N, C-alpha and C. Protein backbone atom coordinates (compact mmCIF):
# COMPACT_ATOMS: atom_id res chain seq x y z
N MET A 1 115.47 101.61 120.57
CA MET A 1 114.04 101.35 120.51
C MET A 1 113.82 99.89 120.10
N LYS A 2 113.02 99.18 120.86
CA LYS A 2 112.70 97.79 120.51
C LYS A 2 111.65 97.79 119.39
N ILE A 3 111.81 96.84 118.50
CA ILE A 3 110.86 96.69 117.40
C ILE A 3 109.61 95.96 117.87
N TYR A 4 109.78 94.97 118.70
CA TYR A 4 108.62 94.21 119.15
C TYR A 4 108.13 94.76 120.49
N THR A 5 106.81 94.93 120.58
CA THR A 5 106.20 95.48 121.80
C THR A 5 105.35 94.45 122.53
N LYS A 6 104.97 93.40 121.84
CA LYS A 6 104.10 92.34 122.34
C LYS A 6 102.67 92.79 122.59
N THR A 7 102.36 94.06 122.27
CA THR A 7 101.00 94.56 122.51
C THR A 7 100.00 93.99 121.50
N GLY A 8 100.48 93.43 120.40
CA GLY A 8 99.59 92.85 119.40
C GLY A 8 99.46 91.36 119.48
N ASP A 9 100.00 90.77 120.50
CA ASP A 9 100.01 89.31 120.61
C ASP A 9 98.62 88.69 120.79
N LYS A 10 97.64 89.49 121.12
CA LYS A 10 96.28 88.98 121.31
C LYS A 10 95.35 89.44 120.18
N ALA A 11 95.93 89.61 118.98
CA ALA A 11 95.18 89.94 117.77
C ALA A 11 94.51 91.30 117.83
N GLN A 12 95.10 92.21 118.59
CA GLN A 12 94.62 93.59 118.62
C GLN A 12 95.79 94.51 118.37
N THR A 13 95.47 95.71 117.91
CA THR A 13 96.48 96.74 117.68
C THR A 13 95.87 98.09 118.03
N SER A 14 96.70 99.11 118.07
CA SER A 14 96.22 100.45 118.41
C SER A 14 96.13 101.32 117.18
N LEU A 15 95.04 102.06 117.13
CA LEU A 15 94.94 103.12 116.14
C LEU A 15 95.76 104.30 116.62
N PHE A 16 96.06 105.22 115.71
CA PHE A 16 96.74 106.45 116.09
C PHE A 16 95.82 107.20 117.05
N GLY A 17 96.25 107.45 118.23
CA GLY A 17 95.41 108.06 119.25
C GLY A 17 95.12 107.11 120.40
N GLY A 18 95.44 105.81 120.22
CA GLY A 18 95.39 104.87 121.33
C GLY A 18 94.25 103.88 121.38
N THR A 19 93.19 104.07 120.61
CA THR A 19 92.08 103.13 120.63
C THR A 19 92.54 101.75 120.16
N ARG A 20 92.20 100.70 120.92
CA ARG A 20 92.54 99.32 120.56
C ARG A 20 91.42 98.73 119.70
N VAL A 21 91.83 98.07 118.62
CA VAL A 21 90.88 97.40 117.72
C VAL A 21 91.47 96.06 117.29
N SER A 22 90.62 95.19 116.76
CA SER A 22 91.11 93.91 116.25
C SER A 22 91.97 94.15 115.01
N LYS A 23 92.86 93.23 114.76
CA LYS A 23 93.76 93.38 113.62
C LYS A 23 93.06 93.23 112.27
N HIS A 24 91.80 92.78 112.29
CA HIS A 24 91.05 92.70 111.05
C HIS A 24 90.04 93.85 110.91
N HIS A 25 90.13 94.84 111.78
CA HIS A 25 89.26 96.02 111.73
C HIS A 25 89.41 96.70 110.36
N ILE A 26 88.32 97.27 109.87
CA ILE A 26 88.32 97.88 108.53
C ILE A 26 89.37 98.99 108.41
N ARG A 27 89.65 99.70 109.48
CA ARG A 27 90.70 100.74 109.42
C ARG A 27 92.07 100.09 109.21
N ILE A 28 92.32 98.97 109.89
CA ILE A 28 93.60 98.28 109.74
C ILE A 28 93.72 97.75 108.32
N GLU A 29 92.65 97.17 107.81
CA GLU A 29 92.64 96.68 106.43
C GLU A 29 92.88 97.84 105.45
N SER A 30 92.28 98.98 105.73
CA SER A 30 92.45 100.15 104.85
C SER A 30 93.89 100.61 104.77
N TYR A 31 94.49 100.86 105.93
CA TYR A 31 95.86 101.37 105.84
C TYR A 31 96.87 100.25 105.57
N GLY A 32 96.49 99.00 105.80
CA GLY A 32 97.35 97.89 105.40
C GLY A 32 97.48 97.80 103.89
N ASN A 33 96.38 98.04 103.19
CA ASN A 33 96.43 98.07 101.73
C ASN A 33 97.28 99.24 101.23
N ILE A 34 97.20 100.36 101.90
CA ILE A 34 98.02 101.52 101.53
C ILE A 34 99.50 101.20 101.77
N ASP A 35 99.80 100.53 102.86
CA ASP A 35 101.18 100.13 103.15
C ASP A 35 101.70 99.18 102.07
N GLU A 36 100.87 98.22 101.67
CA GLU A 36 101.27 97.30 100.61
C GLU A 36 101.50 98.06 99.30
N LEU A 37 100.61 98.98 98.97
CA LEU A 37 100.77 99.80 97.77
C LEU A 37 102.07 100.57 97.82
N ASN A 38 102.37 101.16 98.96
CA ASN A 38 103.60 101.94 99.11
C ASN A 38 104.82 101.05 98.87
N SER A 39 104.77 99.81 99.33
CA SER A 39 105.88 98.88 99.11
C SER A 39 106.05 98.55 97.63
N TRP A 40 104.94 98.33 96.93
CA TRP A 40 105.01 98.07 95.49
C TRP A 40 105.58 99.28 94.75
N LEU A 41 105.20 100.49 95.19
CA LEU A 41 105.74 101.69 94.55
C LEU A 41 107.24 101.80 94.80
N GLY A 42 107.69 101.37 95.98
CA GLY A 42 109.13 101.34 96.25
C GLY A 42 109.85 100.39 95.32
N LEU A 43 109.27 99.21 95.08
CA LEU A 43 109.86 98.25 94.15
C LEU A 43 109.88 98.83 92.74
N LEU A 44 108.81 99.48 92.35
CA LEU A 44 108.74 100.10 91.03
C LEU A 44 109.81 101.20 90.90
N ARG A 45 109.97 101.99 91.93
CA ARG A 45 110.96 103.08 91.93
C ARG A 45 112.39 102.52 91.85
N ASP A 46 112.59 101.30 92.33
CA ASP A 46 113.91 100.68 92.29
C ASP A 46 114.28 100.13 90.91
N GLN A 47 113.35 100.17 89.98
CA GLN A 47 113.61 99.67 88.63
C GLN A 47 114.37 100.71 87.81
N GLU A 48 114.83 100.30 86.65
CA GLU A 48 115.52 101.21 85.72
C GLU A 48 114.48 102.04 84.98
N ILE A 49 114.02 103.12 85.63
CA ILE A 49 113.05 104.02 85.03
C ILE A 49 113.61 105.44 85.06
N ASP A 50 112.97 106.33 84.34
CA ASP A 50 113.45 107.71 84.23
C ASP A 50 113.40 108.42 85.58
N SER A 51 114.28 109.39 85.74
CA SER A 51 114.42 110.08 87.03
C SER A 51 113.17 110.86 87.43
N HIS A 52 112.45 111.42 86.45
CA HIS A 52 111.23 112.16 86.79
C HIS A 52 110.19 111.21 87.40
N SER A 53 110.01 110.05 86.80
CA SER A 53 109.05 109.08 87.35
C SER A 53 109.46 108.65 88.75
N LYS A 54 110.75 108.48 88.98
CA LYS A 54 111.22 108.13 90.32
C LYS A 54 110.88 109.24 91.33
N GLU A 55 111.07 110.49 90.93
CA GLU A 55 110.76 111.62 91.81
C GLU A 55 109.26 111.67 92.13
N VAL A 56 108.45 111.46 91.12
CA VAL A 56 106.99 111.48 91.31
C VAL A 56 106.58 110.33 92.23
N LEU A 57 107.13 109.16 92.01
CA LEU A 57 106.80 108.02 92.87
C LEU A 57 107.22 108.28 94.31
N MET A 58 108.36 108.93 94.51
CA MET A 58 108.80 109.27 95.87
C MET A 58 107.81 110.24 96.52
N ALA A 59 107.34 111.22 95.77
CA ALA A 59 106.35 112.17 96.30
C ALA A 59 105.05 111.46 96.66
N ILE A 60 104.64 110.52 95.82
CA ILE A 60 103.42 109.75 96.08
C ILE A 60 103.60 108.89 97.33
N GLN A 61 104.77 108.26 97.46
CA GLN A 61 105.02 107.44 98.65
C GLN A 61 104.90 108.28 99.92
N ASP A 62 105.40 109.49 99.87
CA ASP A 62 105.28 110.39 101.01
C ASP A 62 103.80 110.67 101.32
N LYS A 63 103.02 110.94 100.29
CA LYS A 63 101.58 111.20 100.49
C LYS A 63 100.87 109.96 101.03
N LEU A 64 101.33 108.78 100.62
CA LEU A 64 100.68 107.56 101.11
C LEU A 64 100.92 107.36 102.61
N PHE A 65 102.03 107.87 103.14
CA PHE A 65 102.20 107.84 104.59
C PHE A 65 101.16 108.75 105.26
N THR A 66 100.87 109.87 104.63
CA THR A 66 99.81 110.76 105.15
C THR A 66 98.47 110.04 105.09
N VAL A 67 98.18 109.40 103.96
CA VAL A 67 96.92 108.65 103.82
C VAL A 67 96.83 107.58 104.91
N GLY A 68 97.91 106.85 105.12
CA GLY A 68 97.93 105.81 106.15
C GLY A 68 97.66 106.37 107.53
N ALA A 69 98.27 107.51 107.84
CA ALA A 69 98.05 108.14 109.15
C ALA A 69 96.60 108.56 109.32
N ILE A 70 96.01 109.10 108.27
CA ILE A 70 94.59 109.50 108.32
C ILE A 70 93.72 108.28 108.57
N LEU A 71 93.98 107.21 107.83
CA LEU A 71 93.17 106.00 107.95
C LEU A 71 93.36 105.31 109.29
N ALA A 72 94.52 105.51 109.91
CA ALA A 72 94.82 104.88 111.20
C ALA A 72 94.29 105.68 112.37
N THR A 73 93.53 106.73 112.09
CA THR A 73 93.03 107.62 113.14
C THR A 73 91.52 107.69 113.08
N GLU A 74 90.89 107.50 114.22
CA GLU A 74 89.43 107.65 114.28
C GLU A 74 89.05 109.07 113.89
N SER A 75 87.97 109.20 113.15
CA SER A 75 87.54 110.51 112.67
C SER A 75 87.39 111.53 113.78
N LYS A 76 86.88 111.11 114.91
CA LYS A 76 86.64 112.04 116.01
C LYS A 76 87.93 112.52 116.67
N LYS A 77 89.07 111.88 116.37
CA LYS A 77 90.33 112.26 116.99
C LYS A 77 91.30 112.93 116.04
N ASP A 78 91.03 112.90 114.73
CA ASP A 78 92.05 113.34 113.79
C ASP A 78 92.38 114.82 113.87
N ASN A 79 91.45 115.66 114.25
CA ASN A 79 91.74 117.09 114.36
C ASN A 79 92.67 117.38 115.53
N ARG A 80 92.51 116.66 116.62
CA ARG A 80 93.34 116.90 117.81
C ARG A 80 94.77 116.41 117.61
N LEU A 81 94.99 115.46 116.70
CA LEU A 81 96.31 114.88 116.53
C LEU A 81 97.15 115.58 115.46
N LYS A 82 96.60 116.60 114.84
CA LYS A 82 97.33 117.42 113.86
C LYS A 82 97.92 116.59 112.72
N ILE A 83 97.13 115.72 112.16
CA ILE A 83 97.56 114.91 111.03
C ILE A 83 97.42 115.75 109.76
N PRO A 84 98.43 115.70 108.87
CA PRO A 84 98.29 116.44 107.60
C PRO A 84 97.08 115.94 106.82
N ARG A 85 96.62 116.70 105.88
CA ARG A 85 95.45 116.36 105.07
C ARG A 85 95.88 116.08 103.64
N ILE A 86 95.05 115.39 102.94
CA ILE A 86 95.15 115.29 101.49
C ILE A 86 94.20 116.37 100.96
N ASP A 87 94.71 117.21 100.06
CA ASP A 87 93.87 118.31 99.58
C ASP A 87 93.82 118.35 98.06
N SER A 88 93.12 119.35 97.54
CA SER A 88 92.93 119.44 96.09
C SER A 88 94.25 119.59 95.34
N ALA A 89 95.25 120.20 95.94
CA ALA A 89 96.55 120.34 95.28
C ALA A 89 97.20 118.97 95.04
N ASP A 90 96.99 118.04 95.95
CA ASP A 90 97.54 116.69 95.80
C ASP A 90 96.88 115.98 94.62
N ILE A 91 95.58 116.17 94.47
CA ILE A 91 94.84 115.57 93.36
C ILE A 91 95.26 116.21 92.05
N GLU A 92 95.39 117.53 92.05
CA GLU A 92 95.80 118.26 90.84
C GLU A 92 97.20 117.84 90.40
N TYR A 93 98.08 117.56 91.35
CA TYR A 93 99.43 117.09 91.03
C TYR A 93 99.37 115.80 90.22
N LEU A 94 98.55 114.86 90.68
CA LEU A 94 98.40 113.59 89.94
C LEU A 94 97.79 113.83 88.56
N GLU A 95 96.78 114.68 88.49
CA GLU A 95 96.12 114.97 87.21
C GLU A 95 97.11 115.60 86.22
N HIS A 96 97.95 116.50 86.72
CA HIS A 96 98.96 117.13 85.88
C HIS A 96 99.93 116.08 85.33
N GLU A 97 100.38 115.18 86.20
CA GLU A 97 101.29 114.12 85.77
C GLU A 97 100.63 113.19 84.77
N ILE A 98 99.37 112.86 84.99
CA ILE A 98 98.62 112.01 84.05
C ILE A 98 98.54 112.69 82.69
N ASP A 99 98.17 113.97 82.68
CA ASP A 99 98.04 114.72 81.42
C ASP A 99 99.37 114.80 80.69
N ASP A 100 100.46 115.05 81.41
CA ASP A 100 101.78 115.13 80.79
C ASP A 100 102.17 113.80 80.15
N MET A 101 101.93 112.70 80.86
CA MET A 101 102.27 111.39 80.30
C MET A 101 101.40 111.07 79.09
N ASN A 102 100.09 111.34 79.22
CA ASN A 102 99.16 111.02 78.14
C ASN A 102 99.48 111.76 76.86
N ALA A 103 100.03 112.97 76.98
CA ALA A 103 100.33 113.78 75.80
C ALA A 103 101.32 113.10 74.86
N SER A 104 102.17 112.24 75.40
CA SER A 104 103.19 111.60 74.57
C SER A 104 102.83 110.15 74.18
N LEU A 105 101.67 109.70 74.59
CA LEU A 105 101.27 108.32 74.32
C LEU A 105 100.29 108.24 73.16
N SER A 106 100.28 107.11 72.49
CA SER A 106 99.30 106.90 71.44
C SER A 106 97.91 106.78 72.07
N GLU A 107 96.91 107.09 71.25
CA GLU A 107 95.54 106.99 71.74
C GLU A 107 95.22 105.54 72.07
N MET A 108 94.51 105.35 73.16
CA MET A 108 94.15 104.01 73.57
C MET A 108 92.81 103.64 72.93
N THR A 109 92.80 102.53 72.21
CA THR A 109 91.58 102.11 71.51
C THR A 109 90.98 100.83 72.08
N HIS A 110 91.74 100.13 72.94
CA HIS A 110 91.30 98.87 73.52
C HIS A 110 91.80 98.78 74.95
N PHE A 111 91.22 97.89 75.72
CA PHE A 111 91.83 97.53 77.00
C PHE A 111 93.18 96.90 76.70
N ILE A 112 94.08 97.00 77.67
CA ILE A 112 95.43 96.48 77.50
C ILE A 112 95.67 95.37 78.51
N LEU A 113 96.23 94.26 78.04
CA LEU A 113 96.58 93.18 78.95
C LEU A 113 97.82 93.59 79.74
N PRO A 114 97.80 93.46 81.07
CA PRO A 114 98.99 93.78 81.86
C PRO A 114 100.16 92.90 81.43
N GLY A 115 101.35 93.48 81.40
CA GLY A 115 102.55 92.72 81.08
C GLY A 115 103.38 93.40 80.01
N GLY A 116 104.28 92.64 79.44
CA GLY A 116 105.15 93.14 78.40
C GLY A 116 106.58 93.38 78.87
N HIS A 117 106.74 93.67 80.14
CA HIS A 117 108.05 93.90 80.75
C HIS A 117 107.86 93.82 82.26
N THR A 118 108.83 93.31 82.95
CA THR A 118 108.71 93.16 84.41
C THR A 118 108.37 94.48 85.09
N THR A 119 109.01 95.55 84.68
CA THR A 119 108.75 96.87 85.29
C THR A 119 107.31 97.30 85.07
N VAL A 120 106.80 97.08 83.89
CA VAL A 120 105.41 97.42 83.56
C VAL A 120 104.47 96.57 84.41
N SER A 121 104.80 95.30 84.57
CA SER A 121 103.98 94.40 85.39
C SER A 121 103.94 94.86 86.84
N TYR A 122 105.08 95.31 87.38
CA TYR A 122 105.09 95.85 88.75
C TYR A 122 104.14 97.03 88.86
N CYS A 123 104.14 97.86 87.84
CA CYS A 123 103.25 99.03 87.85
C CYS A 123 101.78 98.60 87.84
N HIS A 124 101.47 97.59 87.05
CA HIS A 124 100.08 97.10 87.01
C HIS A 124 99.69 96.45 88.34
N ILE A 125 100.62 95.75 88.97
CA ILE A 125 100.31 95.19 90.29
C ILE A 125 100.02 96.31 91.27
N ALA A 126 100.83 97.36 91.24
CA ALA A 126 100.59 98.51 92.12
C ALA A 126 99.22 99.12 91.85
N ARG A 127 98.85 99.20 90.58
CA ARG A 127 97.53 99.74 90.21
C ARG A 127 96.41 98.90 90.80
N THR A 128 96.54 97.58 90.73
CA THR A 128 95.47 96.73 91.25
C THR A 128 95.42 96.77 92.77
N VAL A 129 96.56 96.90 93.42
CA VAL A 129 96.57 97.05 94.88
C VAL A 129 95.92 98.38 95.25
N CYS A 130 96.17 99.41 94.45
CA CYS A 130 95.54 100.72 94.69
C CYS A 130 94.02 100.60 94.56
N ARG A 131 93.55 99.87 93.56
CA ARG A 131 92.11 99.68 93.39
C ARG A 131 91.52 98.91 94.58
N ARG A 132 92.24 97.92 95.08
CA ARG A 132 91.77 97.18 96.26
C ARG A 132 91.70 98.12 97.45
N ALA A 133 92.73 98.92 97.63
CA ALA A 133 92.73 99.89 98.73
C ALA A 133 91.52 100.81 98.61
N GLU A 134 91.23 101.25 97.40
CA GLU A 134 90.08 102.13 97.18
C GLU A 134 88.78 101.44 97.57
N ARG A 135 88.64 100.17 97.23
CA ARG A 135 87.41 99.45 97.59
C ARG A 135 87.25 99.34 99.10
N VAL A 136 88.34 99.04 99.79
CA VAL A 136 88.26 98.90 101.25
C VAL A 136 88.02 100.25 101.91
N ILE A 137 88.67 101.29 101.40
CA ILE A 137 88.45 102.63 101.95
C ILE A 137 87.01 103.08 101.72
N SER A 138 86.43 102.69 100.59
CA SER A 138 85.03 103.06 100.35
C SER A 138 84.11 102.36 101.33
N LEU A 139 84.45 101.13 101.72
CA LEU A 139 83.68 100.43 102.75
C LEU A 139 83.83 101.13 104.09
N LEU A 140 85.03 101.50 104.45
CA LEU A 140 85.25 102.27 105.67
C LEU A 140 84.43 103.56 105.62
N HIS A 141 84.44 104.23 104.48
CA HIS A 141 83.73 105.51 104.31
C HIS A 141 82.23 105.37 104.57
N GLU A 142 81.66 104.22 104.24
CA GLU A 142 80.23 104.00 104.50
C GLU A 142 79.91 104.01 105.98
N ASN A 143 80.86 103.59 106.81
CA ASN A 143 80.64 103.50 108.25
C ASN A 143 81.27 104.66 109.02
N GLU A 144 82.44 105.09 108.60
CA GLU A 144 83.16 106.19 109.24
C GLU A 144 83.71 107.07 108.12
N PRO A 145 82.99 108.11 107.76
CA PRO A 145 83.39 108.91 106.59
C PRO A 145 84.83 109.41 106.64
N VAL A 146 85.46 109.32 105.46
CA VAL A 146 86.78 109.92 105.25
C VAL A 146 86.59 111.07 104.28
N SER A 147 87.58 111.92 104.17
CA SER A 147 87.43 113.11 103.33
C SER A 147 87.25 112.75 101.87
N LYS A 148 86.50 113.57 101.17
CA LYS A 148 86.30 113.34 99.74
C LYS A 148 87.61 113.47 98.99
N GLU A 149 88.52 114.32 99.49
CA GLU A 149 89.82 114.48 98.84
C GLU A 149 90.65 113.20 98.93
N LEU A 150 90.59 112.52 100.06
CA LEU A 150 91.32 111.25 100.19
C LEU A 150 90.75 110.23 99.21
N LEU A 151 89.43 110.14 99.13
CA LEU A 151 88.80 109.21 98.18
C LEU A 151 89.20 109.54 96.74
N MET A 152 89.19 110.82 96.42
CA MET A 152 89.55 111.26 95.07
C MET A 152 91.03 110.97 94.78
N TYR A 153 91.88 111.19 95.77
CA TYR A 153 93.32 110.98 95.58
C TYR A 153 93.61 109.52 95.24
N ILE A 154 93.01 108.61 95.98
CA ILE A 154 93.26 107.19 95.73
C ILE A 154 92.69 106.77 94.38
N ASN A 155 91.54 107.30 94.02
CA ASN A 155 90.97 107.01 92.70
C ASN A 155 91.88 107.54 91.60
N ARG A 156 92.36 108.75 91.75
CA ARG A 156 93.24 109.34 90.74
C ARG A 156 94.58 108.62 90.69
N LEU A 157 95.04 108.13 91.83
CA LEU A 157 96.32 107.43 91.87
C LEU A 157 96.28 106.16 91.02
N SER A 158 95.17 105.44 91.05
CA SER A 158 95.10 104.24 90.21
C SER A 158 95.11 104.62 88.73
N ASP A 159 94.47 105.74 88.39
CA ASP A 159 94.54 106.24 87.01
C ASP A 159 95.98 106.59 86.64
N PHE A 160 96.67 107.26 87.55
CA PHE A 160 98.07 107.62 87.34
C PHE A 160 98.90 106.37 87.07
N LEU A 161 98.70 105.34 87.87
CA LEU A 161 99.50 104.12 87.72
C LEU A 161 99.22 103.42 86.40
N PHE A 162 97.98 103.48 85.94
CA PHE A 162 97.66 102.89 84.63
C PHE A 162 98.42 103.63 83.53
N VAL A 163 98.38 104.96 83.57
CA VAL A 163 99.05 105.75 82.53
C VAL A 163 100.57 105.60 82.66
N LEU A 164 101.07 105.52 83.89
CA LEU A 164 102.50 105.29 84.06
C LEU A 164 102.91 103.95 83.45
N ALA A 165 102.09 102.93 83.62
CA ALA A 165 102.39 101.63 83.01
C ALA A 165 102.49 101.77 81.49
N ARG A 166 101.60 102.54 80.90
CA ARG A 166 101.65 102.76 79.45
C ARG A 166 102.91 103.54 79.07
N LYS A 167 103.25 104.55 79.87
CA LYS A 167 104.46 105.33 79.59
C LYS A 167 105.70 104.44 79.68
N LEU A 168 105.76 103.61 80.72
CA LEU A 168 106.90 102.72 80.88
C LEU A 168 106.97 101.70 79.74
N SER A 169 105.83 101.21 79.28
CA SER A 169 105.80 100.31 78.13
C SER A 169 106.44 100.98 76.92
N SER A 170 106.09 102.24 76.71
CA SER A 170 106.63 103.00 75.60
C SER A 170 108.14 103.19 75.75
N GLN A 171 108.56 103.64 76.93
CA GLN A 171 109.99 103.88 77.16
C GLN A 171 110.82 102.62 77.05
N LEU A 172 110.27 101.51 77.52
CA LEU A 172 111.00 100.24 77.52
C LEU A 172 110.81 99.46 76.22
N GLN A 173 110.05 100.06 75.30
CA GLN A 173 109.74 99.44 74.01
C GLN A 173 109.11 98.06 74.19
N ALA A 174 108.26 97.97 75.18
CA ALA A 174 107.52 96.73 75.43
C ALA A 174 106.24 96.75 74.62
N ASP A 175 105.82 95.60 74.21
CA ASP A 175 104.56 95.51 73.46
C ASP A 175 103.39 95.74 74.39
N GLU A 176 102.46 96.58 73.94
CA GLU A 176 101.17 96.71 74.62
C GLU A 176 100.21 95.78 73.90
N VAL A 177 99.80 94.74 74.58
CA VAL A 177 98.91 93.76 73.97
C VAL A 177 97.48 94.19 74.22
N LYS A 178 96.78 94.48 73.13
CA LYS A 178 95.38 94.89 73.23
C LYS A 178 94.52 93.68 73.54
N TRP A 179 93.53 93.90 74.38
CA TRP A 179 92.57 92.84 74.65
C TRP A 179 91.47 92.94 73.61
N ILE A 180 91.40 91.92 72.79
CA ILE A 180 90.36 91.84 71.77
C ILE A 180 89.59 90.57 72.07
N PRO A 181 88.36 90.72 72.55
CA PRO A 181 87.58 89.53 72.94
C PRO A 181 87.45 88.52 71.80
N LYS A 182 87.63 87.28 72.13
CA LYS A 182 87.50 86.20 71.16
C LYS A 182 86.02 85.88 70.97
N LYS A 183 85.65 85.61 69.75
CA LYS A 183 84.26 85.25 69.46
C LYS A 183 84.05 83.81 69.92
N LEU A 184 82.91 83.57 70.53
CA LEU A 184 82.56 82.22 70.97
C LEU A 184 82.03 81.41 69.78
N ASP A 185 82.47 80.18 69.72
CA ASP A 185 81.92 79.27 68.71
C ASP A 185 80.57 78.79 69.18
N ASN A 186 79.61 78.82 68.31
CA ASN A 186 78.26 78.37 68.70
C ASN A 186 78.08 76.93 68.45
């Protein structure tokens, strides 16, 4: 199989189902952000982290391929193409993982500055890419609705990544630097 097809040489690409759109189309931007997020999660999974977190990240990466396929398909064609769905069980899985991690963490009293360890920083980058993906998907949703479960999943995923960053900080004994606003001199 050849990797290059030359079909995108004129700044267009195909959605799943064959419709041609510009490479800056909101659907392309939506699943491009998901692809970038998936890559950051792969980098995070490649770090020295606990095996359970690696397993969870692998499961999330799999779901992100489903999200990408949904976003790469026009709403009117997705039922005919038999694309898997994101459902309430997927959201509950993330919520369960968030609750389990939170149970072992100290109470959060301030915003936290990203950083403290390279692995933690990768997690925060993934979180911010997830938030960007969510913003672009919400724009797509205004014009071509996507399922509420997909919207909820991406929102919950950024929460998961924030809590995972805190868990990794704890495991790696990295300092969590609280953001305490500086008073302005008058």
